[in-house]
Protein backbone atom coordinates (compact mmCIF):
# COMPACT_ATOMS: atom_id res chain seq x y z
CA UNK A 1 0.00 0.00 0.00
CA UNK A 2 1.40 3.40 -1.02
CA UNK A 3 0.11 6.83 -0.05
CA UNK A 4 0.46 9.62 -2.64
CA UNK A 5 -0.36 13.06 -1.29
CA UNK A 6 -0.70 16.21 -3.37
CA UNK A 7 -0.49 19.36 -1.28
CA UNK A 8 -2.73 22.38 -1.79
CA UNK A 9 -5.57 24.43 -0.37
CA UNK A 10 -9.26 23.49 -0.73
CA UNK A 11 -11.73 25.92 -2.26
CA UNK A 12 -12.35 27.46 -5.68
CA UNK A 13 -10.40 30.62 -4.81
CA UNK A 14 -7.20 28.56 -4.58
CA UNK A 15 -7.89 26.14 -7.41
CA UNK A 16 -5.36 27.38 -9.98
CA UNK A 17 -2.81 29.00 -7.71
CA UNK A 18 0.88 28.07 -7.59
CA UNK A 19 0.44 26.49 -4.16
CA UNK A 20 -2.03 23.95 -5.58
CA UNK A 21 0.07 22.21 -8.23
CA UNK A 22 0.28 19.14 -5.98
CA UNK A 23 -3.50 18.78 -6.27
CA UNK A 24 -3.26 18.97 -10.07
CA UNK A 25 -0.64 16.22 -10.24
CA UNK A 26 -2.89 13.95 -8.16
CA UNK A 27 -5.75 14.78 -10.55
CA UNK A 28 -3.62 13.60 -13.48
CA UNK A 29 -2.77 10.37 -11.67
CA UNK A 30 -6.46 9.86 -10.87
CA UNK A 31 -7.41 10.33 -14.53
CA UNK A 32 -4.86 7.66 -15.49
CA UNK A 33 -5.36 5.10 -12.75
CA UNK A 34 -8.66 5.66 -10.91
CA UNK A 35 -11.19 5.95 -13.71
CA UNK A 36 -14.68 5.19 -12.41
CA UNK A 37 -13.62 5.33 -8.75
CA UNK A 38 -15.82 7.39 -6.44
CA UNK A 39 -13.93 9.95 -4.32
CA UNK A 40 -14.24 9.41 -0.59
CA UNK A 41 -13.95 11.87 2.28
CA UNK A 42 -11.66 10.44 4.96
CA UNK A 43 -8.53 11.39 6.89
CA UNK A 44 -9.58 15.05 6.51
CA UNK A 45 -9.00 14.58 2.78
CA UNK A 46 -10.52 13.69 -0.55
CA UNK A 47 -9.17 10.24 -1.42
CA UNK A 48 -9.29 7.81 -4.33
CA UNK A 49 -8.27 4.16 -4.42
CA UNK A 50 -6.09 3.27 -7.39
CA UNK A 51 -3.59 0.78 -8.76
CA UNK A 52 -0.39 2.03 -10.37
CA UNK A 53 1.49 -0.85 -11.88
CA UNK A 54 1.53 -3.59 -9.27
CA UNK A 55 1.01 -1.18 -6.38
CA UNK A 56 -2.21 -0.50 -4.55
CA UNK A 57 -2.31 3.25 -3.97
CA UNK A 58 -4.34 5.80 -2.07
CA UNK A 59 -4.41 9.19 -3.79
CA UNK A 60 -4.98 12.02 -1.32
CA UNK A 61 -5.79 15.75 -1.44
CA UNK A 62 -5.96 17.14 2.14
CA UNK A 63 -8.83 19.46 3.06
CA UNK A 64 -7.00 20.88 6.07
CA UNK A 65 -5.36 23.81 4.25
CA UNK A 66 -1.66 23.81 3.56
CA UNK A 67 -0.38 24.70 7.04
CA UNK A 68 -2.11 21.68 8.60
CA UNK A 69 -1.29 19.08 5.93
CA UNK A 70 0.42 16.89 8.51
CA UNK A 71 -2.89 16.13 10.24
CA UNK A 72 -4.30 14.39 7.16
CA UNK A 73 -1.06 12.62 6.26
CA UNK A 74 -0.44 11.47 9.82
CA UNK A 75 -3.93 9.98 10.15
CA UNK A 76 -3.57 7.93 6.97
CA UNK A 77 -0.03 6.77 7.79
CA UNK A 78 -1.12 5.55 11.22
CA UNK A 79 -4.34 3.93 9.97
CA UNK A 80 -2.59 1.85 7.31
CA UNK A 81 0.55 1.34 9.46
CA UNK A 82 2.76 2.69 6.70
CA UNK A 83 6.50 3.24 6.76
CA UNK A 84 6.86 6.85 5.51
CA UNK A 85 10.34 6.21 4.10
CA UNK A 86 9.01 3.45 1.83
CA UNK A 87 5.29 4.08 1.43
CA UNK A 88 4.73 7.86 1.31
CA UNK A 89 5.19 10.22 -1.66
CA UNK A 90 4.35 13.90 -1.24
CA UNK A 91 3.91 16.14 -4.30
CA UNK A 92 4.57 19.79 -3.57
CA UNK A 93 5.20 23.21 -5.15
CA UNK A 94 8.72 24.64 -4.99
CA UNK A 95 9.68 28.31 -5.35
CA UNK A 96 13.36 27.35 -5.65
CA UNK A 97 12.75 25.79 -9.08
CA UNK A 98 11.78 27.48 -12.36
CA UNK A 99 8.19 27.01 -13.47
CA UNK A 100 7.57 23.42 -14.60
CA UNK A 101 10.90 21.97 -13.46
CA UNK A 102 10.81 18.79 -11.36
CA UNK A 103 12.99 17.51 -8.54
CA UNK A 104 12.56 14.06 -6.96
CA UNK A 105 13.99 13.59 -3.47
CA UNK A 106 14.25 10.49 -1.27
CA UNK A 107 14.02 12.69 1.82
CA UNK A 108 15.15 16.15 2.90
CA UNK A 109 14.22 19.36 4.63
CA UNK A 110 11.09 21.39 4.15
CA UNK A 111 12.85 24.30 2.45
CA UNK A 112 10.57 26.62 4.40
CA UNK A 113 7.42 25.07 2.90
CA UNK A 114 4.65 25.17 5.52
CA UNK A 115 2.95 22.02 4.29
CA UNK A 116 6.12 19.95 4.44
CA UNK A 117 7.04 21.46 7.80
CA UNK A 118 3.72 20.33 9.28
CA UNK A 119 4.11 16.83 7.82
CA UNK A 120 7.64 16.64 9.30
CA UNK A 121 6.22 17.66 12.67
CA UNK A 122 3.42 15.09 12.62
CA UNK A 123 5.61 12.22 11.40
CA UNK A 124 8.54 13.12 13.63
CA UNK A 125 10.99 13.51 10.75
CA UNK A 126 11.52 14.22 7.06
CA UNK A 127 12.32 10.69 5.90
CA UNK A 128 9.78 10.38 3.10
CA UNK A 129 9.89 10.76 -0.68
CA UNK A 130 8.75 13.92 -2.37
CA UNK A 131 8.26 15.20 -5.91
CA UNK A 132 8.86 18.94 -6.09
CA UNK A 133 7.38 20.97 -8.94
CA UNK A 134 8.77 24.41 -9.67
CA UNK A 135 6.45 27.42 -9.55
CA UNK A 136 9.09 30.12 -10.00
CA UNK A 137 11.06 32.37 -7.67
CA UNK A 138 9.31 35.06 -5.65
CA UNK A 139 9.68 38.40 -7.49
CA UNK A 140 11.52 41.21 -5.78
CA UNK A 141 9.36 43.40 -3.52
CA UNK A 142 6.63 40.71 -3.42
CA UNK A 143 5.56 38.76 -0.35
CA UNK A 144 6.12 34.99 -0.59
CA UNK A 145 2.59 34.18 0.59
CA UNK A 146 1.11 36.45 -2.08
CA UNK A 147 3.28 34.82 -4.73
CA UNK A 148 2.36 31.19 -4.01
CA UNK A 149 -1.32 32.15 -3.82
CA UNK A 150 -1.15 33.90 -7.19
CA UNK A 151 -2.16 32.33 -10.49
CA UNK A 152 0.21 31.46 -13.30
CA UNK A 153 0.69 34.05 -16.00
CA UNK A 154 -0.34 33.22 -19.56
CA UNK A 155 3.28 32.82 -20.67
CA UNK A 156 3.86 30.27 -17.87
CA UNK A 157 0.90 28.01 -18.52
CA UNK A 158 2.51 25.78 -21.14
CA UNK A 159 5.52 25.17 -18.87
CA UNK A 160 3.44 24.37 -15.80
CA UNK A 161 1.12 22.03 -17.70
CA UNK A 162 4.16 20.19 -19.03
CA UNK A 163 5.59 20.12 -15.50
CA UNK A 164 2.40 18.69 -14.00
CA UNK A 165 2.49 15.84 -16.53
CA UNK A 166 6.20 15.29 -15.85
CA UNK A 167 5.63 15.20 -12.07
CA UNK A 168 2.91 12.57 -12.55
CA UNK A 169 5.31 10.55 -14.73
CA UNK A 170 8.00 10.86 -12.03
CA UNK A 171 5.60 9.58 -9.37
CA UNK A 172 4.76 6.56 -11.50
CA UNK A 173 8.47 5.94 -12.03
CA UNK A 174 9.08 5.91 -8.27
CA UNK A 175 6.46 3.18 -7.88
CA UNK A 176 7.55 1.15 -10.91
CA UNK A 177 11.35 1.49 -10.87
CA UNK A 178 12.31 3.10 -7.56
CA UNK A 179 13.19 6.56 -6.33
CA UNK A 180 16.82 6.48 -7.54
CA UNK A 181 15.72 5.76 -11.11
CA UNK A 182 13.15 8.56 -10.87
CA UNK A 183 15.80 10.99 -9.59
CA UNK A 184 18.16 10.13 -12.45
CA UNK A 185 15.41 10.41 -15.04
CA UNK A 186 13.32 13.37 -13.93
CA UNK A 187 15.52 15.72 -11.92
CA UNK A 188 16.02 18.87 -13.95
CA UNK A 189 19.58 20.08 -14.20
CA UNK A 190 19.65 23.81 -13.61
CA UNK A 191 22.25 25.91 -15.40
CA UNK A 192 23.96 28.60 -13.40
CA UNK A 193 23.61 32.00 -15.09
CA UNK A 194 26.89 33.24 -16.52
CA UNK A 195 27.96 36.85 -15.93
CA UNK A 196 27.31 39.01 -18.94
CA UNK A 197 30.44 39.85 -20.92
CA UNK A 198 30.95 43.41 -22.09
CA UNK A 199 30.87 43.58 -25.92
CA UNK A 200 34.30 44.12 -27.51
CA UNK A 201 33.18 47.34 -29.19
CA UNK A 202 32.05 48.72 -25.83
CA UNK A 203 35.37 47.72 -24.28
CA UNK A 204 37.28 49.47 -27.05
CA UNK A 205 35.17 52.60 -26.67
CA UNK A 206 35.69 52.48 -22.91
CA UNK A 207 39.47 52.17 -23.32
CA UNK A 208 39.54 55.00 -25.83
CA UNK A 209 37.44 57.17 -23.55
CA UNK A 210 39.74 56.47 -20.60
CA UNK A 211 42.77 57.30 -22.76
CA UNK A 212 41.24 60.62 -23.84
CA UNK A 213 40.32 61.45 -20.25
CA UNK A 214 43.91 60.82 -19.19
CA UNK A 215 45.24 63.07 -21.96
CA UNK A 216 42.80 65.83 -21.04
CA UNK A 217 43.80 65.62 -17.38
CA UNK A 218 47.52 65.79 -18.34
CA UNK A 219 46.95 68.75 -20.65
CA UNK A 220 44.92 70.57 -18.03
CA UNK A 221 47.51 70.04 -15.30
CA UNK A 222 50.30 71.33 -17.50
C-alpha atoms as a PDB file:
ATOM      1  CA  UNK A   1       0.000   0.000   0.000  1.00  0.00           C
ATOM      2  CA  UNK A   2       1.401   3.395  -1.021  1.00  0.00           C
ATOM      3  CA  UNK A   3       0.109   6.831  -0.050  1.00  0.00           C
ATOM      4  CA  UNK A   4       0.463   9.621  -2.637  1.00  0.00           C
ATOM      5  CA  UNK A   5      -0.364  13.064  -1.292  1.00  0.00           C
ATOM      6  CA  UNK A   6      -0.697  16.209  -3.375  1.00  0.00           C
ATOM      7  CA  UNK A   7      -0.487  19.359  -1.276  1.00  0.00           C
ATOM      8  CA  UNK A   8      -2.726  22.384  -1.786  1.00  0.00           C
ATOM      9  CA  UNK A   9      -5.574  24.432  -0.367  1.00  0.00           C
ATOM     10  CA  UNK A  10      -9.255  23.486  -0.731  1.00  0.00           C
ATOM     11  CA  UNK A  11     -11.730  25.924  -2.260  1.00  0.00           C
ATOM     12  CA  UNK A  12     -12.346  27.462  -5.678  1.00  0.00           C
ATOM     13  CA  UNK A  13     -10.397  30.617  -4.811  1.00  0.00           C
ATOM     14  CA  UNK A  14      -7.196  28.558  -4.581  1.00  0.00           C
ATOM     15  CA  UNK A  15      -7.888  26.142  -7.414  1.00  0.00           C
ATOM     16  CA  UNK A  16      -5.357  27.376  -9.983  1.00  0.00           C
ATOM     17  CA  UNK A  17      -2.807  28.998  -7.712  1.00  0.00           C
ATOM     18  CA  UNK A  18       0.882  28.074  -7.585  1.00  0.00           C
ATOM     19  CA  UNK A  19       0.443  26.489  -4.159  1.00  0.00           C
ATOM     20  CA  UNK A  20      -2.031  23.952  -5.580  1.00  0.00           C
ATOM     21  CA  UNK A  21       0.071  22.209  -8.228  1.00  0.00           C
ATOM     22  CA  UNK A  22       0.277  19.136  -5.976  1.00  0.00           C
ATOM     23  CA  UNK A  23      -3.495  18.781  -6.273  1.00  0.00           C
ATOM     24  CA  UNK A  24      -3.255  18.970 -10.074  1.00  0.00           C
ATOM     25  CA  UNK A  25      -0.639  16.216 -10.242  1.00  0.00           C
ATOM     26  CA  UNK A  26      -2.890  13.953  -8.161  1.00  0.00           C
ATOM     27  CA  UNK A  27      -5.752  14.780 -10.546  1.00  0.00           C
ATOM     28  CA  UNK A  28      -3.621  13.600 -13.483  1.00  0.00           C
ATOM     29  CA  UNK A  29      -2.766  10.365 -11.667  1.00  0.00           C
ATOM     30  CA  UNK A  30      -6.458   9.860 -10.867  1.00  0.00           C
ATOM     31  CA  UNK A  31      -7.408  10.326 -14.528  1.00  0.00           C
ATOM     32  CA  UNK A  32      -4.862   7.661 -15.492  1.00  0.00           C
ATOM     33  CA  UNK A  33      -5.363   5.097 -12.751  1.00  0.00           C
ATOM     34  CA  UNK A  34      -8.659   5.664 -10.909  1.00  0.00           C
ATOM     35  CA  UNK A  35     -11.193   5.954 -13.714  1.00  0.00           C
ATOM     36  CA  UNK A  36     -14.681   5.193 -12.412  1.00  0.00           C
ATOM     37  CA  UNK A  37     -13.623   5.333  -8.753  1.00  0.00           C
ATOM     38  CA  UNK A  38     -15.822   7.392  -6.444  1.00  0.00           C
ATOM     39  CA  UNK A  39     -13.934   9.954  -4.323  1.00  0.00           C
ATOM     40  CA  UNK A  40     -14.235   9.414  -0.586  1.00  0.00           C
ATOM     41  CA  UNK A  41     -13.946  11.868   2.280  1.00  0.00           C
ATOM     42  CA  UNK A  42     -11.659  10.436   4.960  1.00  0.00           C
ATOM     43  CA  UNK A  43      -8.528  11.386   6.886  1.00  0.00           C
ATOM     44  CA  UNK A  44      -9.582  15.048   6.507  1.00  0.00           C
ATOM     45  CA  UNK A  45      -8.999  14.581   2.782  1.00  0.00           C
ATOM     46  CA  UNK A  46     -10.520  13.691  -0.553  1.00  0.00           C
ATOM     47  CA  UNK A  47      -9.166  10.240  -1.421  1.00  0.00           C
ATOM     48  CA  UNK A  48      -9.293   7.815  -4.329  1.00  0.00           C
ATOM     49  CA  UNK A  49      -8.270   4.155  -4.423  1.00  0.00           C
ATOM     50  CA  UNK A  50      -6.089   3.269  -7.394  1.00  0.00           C
ATOM     51  CA  UNK A  51      -3.595   0.778  -8.757  1.00  0.00           C
ATOM     52  CA  UNK A  52      -0.394   2.034 -10.369  1.00  0.00           C
ATOM     53  CA  UNK A  53       1.486  -0.850 -11.882  1.00  0.00           C
ATOM     54  CA  UNK A  54       1.534  -3.594  -9.272  1.00  0.00           C
ATOM     55  CA  UNK A  55       1.010  -1.184  -6.384  1.00  0.00           C
ATOM     56  CA  UNK A  56      -2.212  -0.505  -4.549  1.00  0.00           C
ATOM     57  CA  UNK A  57      -2.312   3.245  -3.973  1.00  0.00           C
ATOM     58  CA  UNK A  58      -4.339   5.797  -2.069  1.00  0.00           C
ATOM     59  CA  UNK A  59      -4.411   9.186  -3.789  1.00  0.00           C
ATOM     60  CA  UNK A  60      -4.984  12.022  -1.324  1.00  0.00           C
ATOM     61  CA  UNK A  61      -5.791  15.753  -1.438  1.00  0.00           C
ATOM     62  CA  UNK A  62      -5.958  17.135   2.137  1.00  0.00           C
ATOM     63  CA  UNK A  63      -8.826  19.457   3.056  1.00  0.00           C
ATOM     64  CA  UNK A  64      -7.004  20.878   6.071  1.00  0.00           C
ATOM     65  CA  UNK A  65      -5.359  23.807   4.249  1.00  0.00           C
ATOM     66  CA  UNK A  66      -1.657  23.812   3.561  1.00  0.00           C
ATOM     67  CA  UNK A  67      -0.376  24.703   7.037  1.00  0.00           C
ATOM     68  CA  UNK A  68      -2.106  21.685   8.596  1.00  0.00           C
ATOM     69  CA  UNK A  69      -1.291  19.084   5.925  1.00  0.00           C
ATOM     70  CA  UNK A  70       0.417  16.892   8.510  1.00  0.00           C
ATOM     71  CA  UNK A  71      -2.890  16.130  10.238  1.00  0.00           C
ATOM     72  CA  UNK A  72      -4.301  14.391   7.158  1.00  0.00           C
ATOM     73  CA  UNK A  73      -1.058  12.617   6.262  1.00  0.00           C
ATOM     74  CA  UNK A  74      -0.442  11.466   9.824  1.00  0.00           C
ATOM     75  CA  UNK A  75      -3.926   9.981  10.150  1.00  0.00           C
ATOM     76  CA  UNK A  76      -3.571   7.931   6.966  1.00  0.00           C
ATOM     77  CA  UNK A  77      -0.032   6.769   7.787  1.00  0.00           C
ATOM     78  CA  UNK A  78      -1.123   5.550  11.220  1.00  0.00           C
ATOM     79  CA  UNK A  79      -4.345   3.929   9.970  1.00  0.00           C
ATOM     80  CA  UNK A  80      -2.590   1.845   7.310  1.00  0.00           C
ATOM     81  CA  UNK A  81       0.549   1.341   9.463  1.00  0.00           C
ATOM     82  CA  UNK A  82       2.759   2.692   6.700  1.00  0.00           C
ATOM     83  CA  UNK A  83       6.500   3.236   6.756  1.00  0.00           C
ATOM     84  CA  UNK A  84       6.864   6.848   5.506  1.00  0.00           C
ATOM     85  CA  UNK A  85      10.344   6.214   4.102  1.00  0.00           C
ATOM     86  CA  UNK A  86       9.006   3.454   1.828  1.00  0.00           C
ATOM     87  CA  UNK A  87       5.287   4.080   1.426  1.00  0.00           C
ATOM     88  CA  UNK A  88       4.729   7.856   1.311  1.00  0.00           C
ATOM     89  CA  UNK A  89       5.188  10.216  -1.658  1.00  0.00           C
ATOM     90  CA  UNK A  90       4.353  13.902  -1.240  1.00  0.00           C
ATOM     91  CA  UNK A  91       3.914  16.140  -4.301  1.00  0.00           C
ATOM     92  CA  UNK A  92       4.566  19.788  -3.566  1.00  0.00           C
ATOM     93  CA  UNK A  93       5.197  23.206  -5.146  1.00  0.00           C
ATOM     94  CA  UNK A  94       8.723  24.639  -4.992  1.00  0.00           C
ATOM     95  CA  UNK A  95       9.681  28.313  -5.348  1.00  0.00           C
ATOM     96  CA  UNK A  96      13.364  27.355  -5.646  1.00  0.00           C
ATOM     97  CA  UNK A  97      12.748  25.788  -9.079  1.00  0.00           C
ATOM     98  CA  UNK A  98      11.779  27.480 -12.356  1.00  0.00           C
ATOM     99  CA  UNK A  99       8.189  27.010 -13.474  1.00  0.00           C
ATOM    100  CA  UNK A 100       7.575  23.423 -14.604  1.00  0.00           C
ATOM    101  CA  UNK A 101      10.905  21.969 -13.459  1.00  0.00           C
ATOM    102  CA  UNK A 102      10.810  18.789 -11.365  1.00  0.00           C
ATOM    103  CA  UNK A 103      12.991  17.511  -8.545  1.00  0.00           C
ATOM    104  CA  UNK A 104      12.563  14.059  -6.958  1.00  0.00           C
ATOM    105  CA  UNK A 105      13.994  13.585  -3.470  1.00  0.00           C
ATOM    106  CA  UNK A 106      14.247  10.486  -1.275  1.00  0.00           C
ATOM    107  CA  UNK A 107      14.020  12.691   1.817  1.00  0.00           C
ATOM    108  CA  UNK A 108      15.146  16.145   2.904  1.00  0.00           C
ATOM    109  CA  UNK A 109      14.221  19.356   4.634  1.00  0.00           C
ATOM    110  CA  UNK A 110      11.089  21.391   4.155  1.00  0.00           C
ATOM    111  CA  UNK A 111      12.853  24.300   2.451  1.00  0.00           C
ATOM    112  CA  UNK A 112      10.570  26.625   4.400  1.00  0.00           C
ATOM    113  CA  UNK A 113       7.417  25.073   2.902  1.00  0.00           C
ATOM    114  CA  UNK A 114       4.646  25.174   5.518  1.00  0.00           C
ATOM    115  CA  UNK A 115       2.947  22.019   4.292  1.00  0.00           C
ATOM    116  CA  UNK A 116       6.124  19.951   4.442  1.00  0.00           C
ATOM    117  CA  UNK A 117       7.037  21.464   7.804  1.00  0.00           C
ATOM    118  CA  UNK A 118       3.723  20.326   9.279  1.00  0.00           C
ATOM    119  CA  UNK A 119       4.115  16.831   7.819  1.00  0.00           C
ATOM    120  CA  UNK A 120       7.636  16.635   9.302  1.00  0.00           C
ATOM    121  CA  UNK A 121       6.216  17.659  12.674  1.00  0.00           C
ATOM    122  CA  UNK A 122       3.420  15.094  12.623  1.00  0.00           C
ATOM    123  CA  UNK A 123       5.615  12.225  11.397  1.00  0.00           C
ATOM    124  CA  UNK A 124       8.542  13.117  13.626  1.00  0.00           C
ATOM    125  CA  UNK A 125      10.994  13.512  10.751  1.00  0.00           C
ATOM    126  CA  UNK A 126      11.521  14.217   7.057  1.00  0.00           C
ATOM    127  CA  UNK A 127      12.319  10.691   5.898  1.00  0.00           C
ATOM    128  CA  UNK A 128       9.785  10.376   3.101  1.00  0.00           C
ATOM    129  CA  UNK A 129       9.893  10.762  -0.679  1.00  0.00           C
ATOM    130  CA  UNK A 130       8.754  13.920  -2.367  1.00  0.00           C
ATOM    131  CA  UNK A 131       8.260  15.196  -5.911  1.00  0.00           C
ATOM    132  CA  UNK A 132       8.857  18.937  -6.090  1.00  0.00           C
ATOM    133  CA  UNK A 133       7.376  20.969  -8.942  1.00  0.00           C
ATOM    134  CA  UNK A 134       8.768  24.415  -9.673  1.00  0.00           C
ATOM    135  CA  UNK A 135       6.451  27.423  -9.545  1.00  0.00           C
ATOM    136  CA  UNK A 136       9.086  30.121  -9.997  1.00  0.00           C
ATOM    137  CA  UNK A 137      11.058  32.371  -7.670  1.00  0.00           C
ATOM    138  CA  UNK A 138       9.310  35.064  -5.652  1.00  0.00           C
ATOM    139  CA  UNK A 139       9.680  38.401  -7.494  1.00  0.00           C
ATOM    140  CA  UNK A 140      11.516  41.212  -5.781  1.00  0.00           C
ATOM    141  CA  UNK A 141       9.362  43.401  -3.524  1.00  0.00           C
ATOM    142  CA  UNK A 142       6.626  40.707  -3.420  1.00  0.00           C
ATOM    143  CA  UNK A 143       5.561  38.755  -0.345  1.00  0.00           C
ATOM    144  CA  UNK A 144       6.121  34.990  -0.588  1.00  0.00           C
ATOM    145  CA  UNK A 145       2.587  34.181   0.591  1.00  0.00           C
ATOM    146  CA  UNK A 146       1.110  36.453  -2.079  1.00  0.00           C
ATOM    147  CA  UNK A 147       3.280  34.819  -4.732  1.00  0.00           C
ATOM    148  CA  UNK A 148       2.361  31.194  -4.007  1.00  0.00           C
ATOM    149  CA  UNK A 149      -1.315  32.148  -3.823  1.00  0.00           C
ATOM    150  CA  UNK A 150      -1.146  33.896  -7.190  1.00  0.00           C
ATOM    151  CA  UNK A 151      -2.159  32.327 -10.490  1.00  0.00           C
ATOM    152  CA  UNK A 152       0.208  31.456 -13.302  1.00  0.00           C
ATOM    153  CA  UNK A 153       0.689  34.051 -16.002  1.00  0.00           C
ATOM    154  CA  UNK A 154      -0.341  33.218 -19.562  1.00  0.00           C
ATOM    155  CA  UNK A 155       3.276  32.816 -20.673  1.00  0.00           C
ATOM    156  CA  UNK A 156       3.862  30.272 -17.869  1.00  0.00           C
ATOM    157  CA  UNK A 157       0.904  28.012 -18.524  1.00  0.00           C
ATOM    158  CA  UNK A 158       2.510  25.785 -21.139  1.00  0.00           C
ATOM    159  CA  UNK A 159       5.518  25.174 -18.874  1.00  0.00           C
ATOM    160  CA  UNK A 160       3.444  24.370 -15.797  1.00  0.00           C
ATOM    161  CA  UNK A 161       1.124  22.029 -17.696  1.00  0.00           C
ATOM    162  CA  UNK A 162       4.157  20.186 -19.026  1.00  0.00           C
ATOM    163  CA  UNK A 163       5.593  20.123 -15.502  1.00  0.00           C
ATOM    164  CA  UNK A 164       2.404  18.690 -14.005  1.00  0.00           C
ATOM    165  CA  UNK A 165       2.494  15.839 -16.527  1.00  0.00           C
ATOM    166  CA  UNK A 166       6.201  15.289 -15.850  1.00  0.00           C
ATOM    167  CA  UNK A 167       5.628  15.197 -12.071  1.00  0.00           C
ATOM    168  CA  UNK A 168       2.909  12.566 -12.552  1.00  0.00           C
ATOM    169  CA  UNK A 169       5.306  10.546 -14.725  1.00  0.00           C
ATOM    170  CA  UNK A 170       8.002  10.863 -12.030  1.00  0.00           C
ATOM    171  CA  UNK A 171       5.604   9.578  -9.369  1.00  0.00           C
ATOM    172  CA  UNK A 172       4.760   6.558 -11.501  1.00  0.00           C
ATOM    173  CA  UNK A 173       8.469   5.938 -12.031  1.00  0.00           C
ATOM    174  CA  UNK A 174       9.084   5.911  -8.266  1.00  0.00           C
ATOM    175  CA  UNK A 175       6.464   3.185  -7.884  1.00  0.00           C
ATOM    176  CA  UNK A 176       7.549   1.146 -10.910  1.00  0.00           C
ATOM    177  CA  UNK A 177      11.349   1.487 -10.866  1.00  0.00           C
ATOM    178  CA  UNK A 178      12.314   3.101  -7.557  1.00  0.00           C
ATOM    179  CA  UNK A 179      13.194   6.557  -6.327  1.00  0.00           C
ATOM    180  CA  UNK A 180      16.823   6.479  -7.539  1.00  0.00           C
ATOM    181  CA  UNK A 181      15.720   5.756 -11.108  1.00  0.00           C
ATOM    182  CA  UNK A 182      13.153   8.563 -10.868  1.00  0.00           C
ATOM    183  CA  UNK A 183      15.802  10.990  -9.594  1.00  0.00           C
ATOM    184  CA  UNK A 184      18.157  10.129 -12.445  1.00  0.00           C
ATOM    185  CA  UNK A 185      15.408  10.415 -15.039  1.00  0.00           C
ATOM    186  CA  UNK A 186      13.322  13.373 -13.927  1.00  0.00           C
ATOM    187  CA  UNK A 187      15.519  15.721 -11.918  1.00  0.00           C
ATOM    188  CA  UNK A 188      16.017  18.867 -13.948  1.00  0.00           C
ATOM    189  CA  UNK A 189      19.580  20.083 -14.204  1.00  0.00           C
ATOM    190  CA  UNK A 190      19.654  23.806 -13.608  1.00  0.00           C
ATOM    191  CA  UNK A 191      22.248  25.907 -15.401  1.00  0.00           C
ATOM    192  CA  UNK A 192      23.957  28.605 -13.402  1.00  0.00           C
ATOM    193  CA  UNK A 193      23.613  32.001 -15.087  1.00  0.00           C
ATOM    194  CA  UNK A 194      26.893  33.238 -16.519  1.00  0.00           C
ATOM    195  CA  UNK A 195      27.955  36.850 -15.932  1.00  0.00           C
ATOM    196  CA  UNK A 196      27.313  39.010 -18.943  1.00  0.00           C
ATOM    197  CA  UNK A 197      30.440  39.851 -20.918  1.00  0.00           C
ATOM    198  CA  UNK A 198      30.948  43.408 -22.089  1.00  0.00           C
ATOM    199  CA  UNK A 199      30.868  43.578 -25.918  1.00  0.00           C
ATOM    200  CA  UNK A 200      34.297  44.116 -27.506  1.00  0.00           C
ATOM    201  CA  UNK A 201      33.178  47.345 -29.192  1.00  0.00           C
ATOM    202  CA  UNK A 202      32.054  48.723 -25.830  1.00  0.00           C
ATOM    203  CA  UNK A 203      35.374  47.716 -24.276  1.00  0.00           C
ATOM    204  CA  UNK A 204      37.284  49.471 -27.053  1.00  0.00           C
ATOM    205  CA  UNK A 205      35.166  52.596 -26.665  1.00  0.00           C
ATOM    206  CA  UNK A 206      35.689  52.483 -22.910  1.00  0.00           C
ATOM    207  CA  UNK A 207      39.471  52.166 -23.317  1.00  0.00           C
ATOM    208  CA  UNK A 208      39.545  54.996 -25.833  1.00  0.00           C
ATOM    209  CA  UNK A 209      37.445  57.168 -23.549  1.00  0.00           C
ATOM    210  CA  UNK A 210      39.739  56.469 -20.604  1.00  0.00           C
ATOM    211  CA  UNK A 211      42.767  57.301 -22.757  1.00  0.00           C
ATOM    212  CA  UNK A 212      41.243  60.622 -23.843  1.00  0.00           C
ATOM    213  CA  UNK A 213      40.323  61.449 -20.251  1.00  0.00           C
ATOM    214  CA  UNK A 214      43.910  60.824 -19.185  1.00  0.00           C
ATOM    215  CA  UNK A 215      45.243  63.066 -21.959  1.00  0.00           C
ATOM    216  CA  UNK A 216      42.805  65.829 -21.038  1.00  0.00           C
ATOM    217  CA  UNK A 217      43.802  65.620 -17.381  1.00  0.00           C
ATOM    218  CA  UNK A 218      47.517  65.791 -18.336  1.00  0.00           C
ATOM    219  CA  UNK A 219      46.951  68.754 -20.655  1.00  0.00           C
ATOM    220  CA  UNK A 220      44.922  70.572 -18.030  1.00  0.00           C
ATOM    221  CA  UNK A 221      47.507  70.041 -15.302  1.00  0.00           C
ATOM    222  CA  UNK A 222      50.301  71.332 -17.499  1.00  0.00           C
END
